[in-house]
Protein backbone atom coordinates (compact mmCIF):
# COMPACT_ATOMS: atom_id res chain seq x y z
CA MET A 1 131.02 114.69 92.95
CA LEU A 2 127.74 112.99 93.16
CA HIS A 3 124.91 114.40 95.48
CA VAL A 4 122.27 112.11 97.23
CA ALA A 5 119.45 114.11 98.62
CA VAL A 6 116.33 112.01 100.61
CA LEU A 7 115.64 115.00 103.18
CA GLY A 8 112.87 116.90 101.57
CA GLN A 9 113.04 115.37 98.14
CA GLN A 10 114.02 111.90 96.72
CA VAL A 11 117.22 113.04 93.82
CA ILE A 12 120.73 111.64 92.78
CA ALA A 13 122.35 114.21 91.05
CA ASP A 14 125.42 115.38 89.54
CA GLU A 15 127.78 118.14 90.28
CA GLU A 16 125.75 120.75 88.50
CA GLY A 17 122.37 119.56 90.04
CA GLY A 18 121.25 117.37 86.90
CA PRO A 19 119.67 114.15 87.94
CA ARG A 20 121.05 111.06 87.74
CA SER A 21 118.17 109.20 88.51
CA ARG A 22 114.40 108.74 88.08
CA SER A 23 113.81 105.25 89.70
CA SER A 24 111.83 106.23 92.66
CA ARG A 25 112.56 102.46 93.99
CA GLY A 26 116.04 102.73 93.70
CA ILE A 27 116.65 106.12 95.26
CA ALA A 28 114.33 104.52 98.12
CA LEU A 29 116.49 101.30 98.55
CA ALA A 30 119.81 104.02 98.41
CA ALA A 31 117.79 105.76 101.42
CA HIS A 32 117.25 102.61 103.56
CA LEU A 33 120.49 101.49 103.16
CA VAL A 34 122.23 105.03 104.12
CA ALA A 35 119.37 105.50 106.91
CA HIS A 36 120.90 102.23 108.09
CA ALA A 37 124.49 102.81 107.70
CA GLY A 38 126.96 100.37 109.00
CA THR A 39 124.61 97.54 109.77
CA VAL A 40 124.67 95.05 107.15
CA VAL A 41 121.36 94.16 106.00
CA PRO A 42 120.63 90.86 104.36
CA ARG A 43 119.49 90.48 100.67
CA PRO A 44 116.46 88.44 101.51
CA ARG A 45 115.26 91.07 104.10
CA LEU A 46 115.63 93.79 101.74
CA ALA A 47 114.13 91.91 98.77
CA ALA A 48 110.97 91.26 101.14
CA LEU A 49 110.90 94.57 102.25
CA PHE A 50 110.69 96.40 98.48
CA TRP A 51 109.11 93.70 96.84
CA PRO A 52 106.16 91.94 99.20
CA ASP A 53 104.07 90.83 96.48
CA SER A 54 106.88 88.64 94.67
CA GLY A 55 108.20 85.42 95.48
CA ASP A 56 111.26 84.99 97.23
CA ALA A 57 113.25 84.08 94.17
CA GLN A 58 111.92 86.90 91.91
CA ALA A 59 112.07 89.12 94.86
CA LEU A 60 115.73 88.65 94.82
CA THR A 61 116.39 88.97 91.12
CA ASN A 62 114.38 92.52 91.50
CA LEU A 63 116.72 93.44 94.11
CA ARG A 64 119.84 92.39 91.90
CA ARG A 65 118.38 94.18 89.03
CA GLU A 66 117.99 97.75 91.31
CA LEU A 67 121.25 97.31 93.03
CA HIS A 68 122.99 96.91 88.96
CA HIS A 69 120.90 100.45 88.22
CA LEU A 70 121.73 102.13 91.37
CA ARG A 71 125.87 101.22 91.10
CA HIS A 72 125.54 102.53 87.57
CA THR A 73 123.76 105.51 88.69
CA LEU A 74 126.46 106.34 91.13
CA GLU A 75 129.27 105.98 88.71
CA HIS A 76 130.14 102.69 90.56
CA ALA A 77 131.45 104.50 93.45
CA PRO A 78 131.90 102.05 95.89
CA VAL A 79 129.30 102.82 98.53
CA VAL A 80 127.42 99.65 98.90
CA ARG A 81 129.67 96.83 100.04
CA ALA A 82 128.04 93.43 99.31
CA ASP A 83 129.37 90.18 101.11
CA THR A 84 127.59 86.80 102.11
CA ALA A 85 126.12 88.58 105.00
CA GLY A 86 124.34 90.95 102.49
CA LEU A 87 124.64 94.89 102.01
CA ALA A 88 125.47 97.69 103.90
CA TRP A 89 126.33 101.36 103.03
CA GLN A 90 129.83 103.11 103.31
CA ASP A 91 130.83 106.39 103.22
CA VAL A 92 133.09 107.47 100.28
CA ALA A 93 134.22 110.82 99.35
CA GLU A 94 132.93 111.28 95.68
CA VAL A 95 129.24 110.63 97.07
CA ALA A 96 127.88 113.44 99.33
CA VAL A 97 124.61 112.27 101.38
CA ASP A 98 122.50 114.87 103.23
CA LEU A 99 121.45 112.23 105.58
CA ARG A 100 124.58 111.12 106.58
CA VAL A 101 125.72 114.55 106.70
CA PHE A 102 122.89 115.36 109.06
CA ASP A 103 123.68 112.15 111.27
CA ARG A 104 127.34 112.98 111.64
CA GLU A 105 126.51 116.89 112.76
CA ALA A 106 123.72 116.01 114.70
CA GLY A 107 125.89 113.36 116.80
CA ASP A 108 128.94 115.71 117.05
CA ALA A 109 126.40 118.49 118.18
CA LEU A 110 124.75 116.18 121.12
CA ASP A 111 128.18 115.34 121.81
CA ALA A 112 129.30 118.93 122.43
CA ALA A 113 126.19 119.50 124.67
CA THR A 114 127.20 116.94 126.96
CA ARG A 115 130.75 118.86 127.69
CA ASP A 116 128.53 122.36 127.67
CA ASP A 117 130.73 123.14 124.50
CA THR A 118 128.24 125.99 123.31
CA ALA A 119 130.56 127.29 120.45
CA ALA A 120 130.46 123.59 119.45
CA VAL A 121 127.04 123.11 119.64
CA VAL A 122 125.93 126.09 117.33
CA ARG A 123 128.58 124.62 114.89
CA HIS A 124 127.47 121.50 114.24
CA ALA A 125 123.64 121.94 114.94
CA ALA A 126 123.54 124.33 112.36
CA ALA A 127 125.34 122.33 109.96
CA ALA A 128 122.81 119.82 110.80
CA LEU A 129 120.11 121.51 110.42
CA ALA A 130 121.65 123.04 107.26
CA GLN A 131 120.92 119.48 105.38
CA TYR A 132 117.19 118.76 107.24
CA ARG A 133 115.37 120.28 103.91
CA GLY A 134 112.34 118.27 105.06
CA ALA A 135 110.91 115.06 105.86
CA PHE A 136 112.84 111.79 105.21
CA LEU A 137 111.74 110.46 101.55
CA PRO A 138 108.61 112.50 101.56
CA GLY A 139 105.49 110.26 99.86
CA VAL A 140 106.93 107.28 100.47
CA ASP A 141 104.62 105.90 102.96
CA ASP A 142 106.29 102.20 103.75
CA GLU A 143 106.28 101.50 107.37
CA TRP A 144 110.32 101.44 107.37
CA ALA A 145 110.30 104.77 105.84
CA ARG A 146 107.88 106.12 108.28
CA GLU A 147 110.12 105.03 111.25
CA VAL A 148 113.15 106.66 110.05
CA ARG A 149 111.09 109.88 109.07
CA GLU A 150 109.76 110.04 112.81
CA ASP A 151 113.12 109.23 113.90
CA ARG A 152 115.31 111.95 111.91
CA GLU A 153 112.19 114.75 112.85
CA ASN A 154 112.72 113.89 116.56
CA ARG A 155 116.42 114.55 116.22
CA CYS A 156 115.51 117.71 114.04
CA ALA A 157 113.06 119.08 116.74
CA ARG A 158 115.54 117.93 119.82
CA LEU A 159 118.28 119.81 117.62
CA CYS A 160 116.67 122.97 117.27
CA ALA A 161 116.07 123.22 120.75
CA LEU A 162 119.85 122.70 121.55
CA LEU A 163 120.68 125.45 118.76
CA SER A 164 118.10 127.82 120.15
CA GLU A 165 119.44 127.56 124.00
CA ALA A 166 123.33 127.55 122.74
CA LEU A 167 122.44 131.06 120.65
CA ALA A 168 120.67 132.60 123.42
CA ARG A 169 123.55 131.60 126.15
CA THR A 170 125.54 133.69 123.21
CA GLY A 171 123.22 136.53 123.47
CA ASP A 172 122.13 135.91 119.52
CA LEU A 173 118.41 136.10 120.47
CA THR A 174 117.36 137.12 117.01
CA ALA A 175 119.20 133.73 115.79
CA ALA A 176 117.72 131.86 118.75
CA VAL A 177 114.43 133.18 118.03
CA ASP A 178 114.67 132.00 114.19
CA VAL A 179 115.30 128.37 115.29
CA ALA A 180 112.52 128.35 117.89
CA ARG A 181 110.24 128.82 115.15
CA ARG A 182 111.73 126.38 113.14
CA ARG A 183 111.16 124.02 116.43
CA VAL A 184 107.23 125.12 116.74
CA ARG A 185 106.88 124.76 112.81
CA LEU A 186 108.18 121.04 112.98
CA ARG A 187 106.41 120.28 116.06
CA PRO A 188 103.09 122.41 116.47
CA LEU A 189 101.63 120.38 118.94
CA GLU A 190 105.22 120.08 121.13
CA GLU A 191 104.00 123.29 123.53
CA ALA A 192 107.91 123.07 125.18
CA GLY A 193 108.42 124.67 121.68
CA HIS A 194 105.90 127.49 121.70
CA ARG A 195 107.24 128.43 125.54
CA ALA A 196 110.95 128.39 124.52
CA LEU A 197 109.91 130.65 121.74
CA MET A 198 107.35 132.61 123.88
CA GLU A 199 110.65 133.11 126.53
CA LEU A 200 113.14 134.09 123.94
CA GLN A 201 110.77 136.70 122.45
CA LEU A 202 109.98 138.13 125.89
CA ALA A 203 113.86 138.61 126.47
CA GLN A 204 113.82 140.55 123.13
CA GLY A 205 111.34 143.02 124.26
CA ASP A 206 108.70 141.50 122.04
CA ARG A 207 105.80 140.91 124.89
CA ALA A 208 103.30 141.05 121.81
CA GLY A 209 104.84 138.55 119.57
CA ALA A 210 104.96 136.00 122.80
CA VAL A 211 101.19 136.48 123.44
CA SER A 212 100.67 136.03 119.53
CA THR A 213 102.92 132.48 120.01
CA TYR A 214 100.85 131.66 123.10
CA GLU A 215 97.17 132.25 120.91
CA ARG A 216 98.57 130.32 118.01
CA CYS A 217 99.70 127.44 120.57
CA ALA A 218 96.05 127.30 121.94
CA SER A 219 94.40 127.58 118.64
CA VAL A 220 96.43 124.53 117.26
CA LEU A 221 95.67 122.58 120.21
CA GLY A 222 92.05 123.25 120.07
CA ARG A 223 91.75 122.59 116.72
CA GLU A 224 93.87 119.40 116.87
CA LEU A 225 93.53 118.00 119.84
CA GLY A 226 90.28 119.43 121.26
CA VAL A 227 92.44 120.57 124.59
CA ALA A 228 93.57 123.71 125.86
CA PRO A 229 97.03 124.43 126.63
CA HIS A 230 98.78 123.03 129.54
CA ALA A 231 99.28 124.85 132.96
CA ASP A 232 102.91 125.05 132.41
CA THR A 233 102.23 126.96 128.81
CA ARG A 234 99.28 129.03 130.65
CA ARG A 235 101.99 130.16 133.31
CA ALA A 236 104.08 130.68 130.68
CA LEU A 237 101.76 133.36 129.34
CA ALA A 238 101.13 135.07 132.83
CA VAL A 239 105.06 135.64 133.08
CA VAL A 240 104.73 137.44 130.01
CA THR A 241 101.54 139.70 130.73
CA THR A 242 102.91 140.58 133.84
CA SER A 243 106.73 141.12 133.46
CA PRO A 244 107.60 144.58 132.69
CA THR A 245 109.29 144.61 129.31
CA ALA A 246 113.06 144.27 129.16
CA THR A 247 115.39 142.70 126.56
CA GLY A 248 118.56 140.21 127.51
CA ARG A 249 119.01 136.82 127.99
CA PRO A 250 115.51 134.34 128.56
CA ARG A 251 115.85 133.71 132.68
CA SER A 252 116.56 130.05 132.02
CA SER A 253 116.91 127.74 129.48
CA PRO A 254 114.13 127.83 127.30
CA GLY A 255 111.99 124.56 126.76
CA SER A 256 113.91 121.99 127.97
CA ALA A 257 115.30 119.63 124.99
CA ALA A 258 115.95 116.95 127.30
CA ARG A 259 112.23 116.74 128.66
CA PRO A 260 109.73 117.81 126.20
CA CYS A 261 106.13 118.57 126.75
CA SER A 262 103.98 117.51 124.22
CA SER A 263 100.40 117.75 124.42
CA ALA A 264 100.11 114.75 121.58
CA GLY A 265 97.58 112.03 123.96
CA ARG A 266 95.91 114.98 125.87
CA ARG A 267 92.52 114.77 125.92
CA SER A 268 90.97 117.07 128.28
CA SER A 269 92.42 120.30 129.66
CA PRO A 270 94.75 120.05 132.68
CA SER A 271 93.69 121.99 135.78
């Protein structure tokens, strides 16, 4: 089996982990098709996207050459479907792609959440997050890559929130805190993530940890945005400092995944 990794790295490797390709352009082309799996992308669009400084004919020639190399790298596995309309990625058993696994498991986790199936949320969200080893195509600054990167980072943050909440409902507060910390690392300016972590830490009886989380939140907001924490976050601190220390499940779902409260865009401290 071959492995294509585009989350946190850019590599096509064999079963033993040996690299099969060192062509960043070829891996990026595969990543674009993977990110839009199920959608037929016209050849002229791909050619213009990857070779914007070449004429139309030369760009299409470059695309054909890169596709030939990509197919060779993937041992001619039928992952790229080609027809008169364009090119599309199709999954095959002999090629595993981290982004495809992430997308499938993330979708299953979100579906499970709508059914209130906590066990399925935990199973699928954990499987998705295991694939997310970092940003999509790190180092590639093309607009299309930035759009995919932001979209998948949004999904990852939402999955962290869902999984943390689900683990808290099962009573596994240690694991819930670990996932909540990952959410904060991913989105340090999103105050809802800090509040969720504070509530979980309080439920663990870790009042000092919750206060420390607030202080880190205030520090990063002040440094990056020049603002103080939102009133909701300050109220969360008040709960931490005034509530008797006790362990158990959080009083409510920690930091709603559906209604994130980010500080991005605020320019002054709210009243």
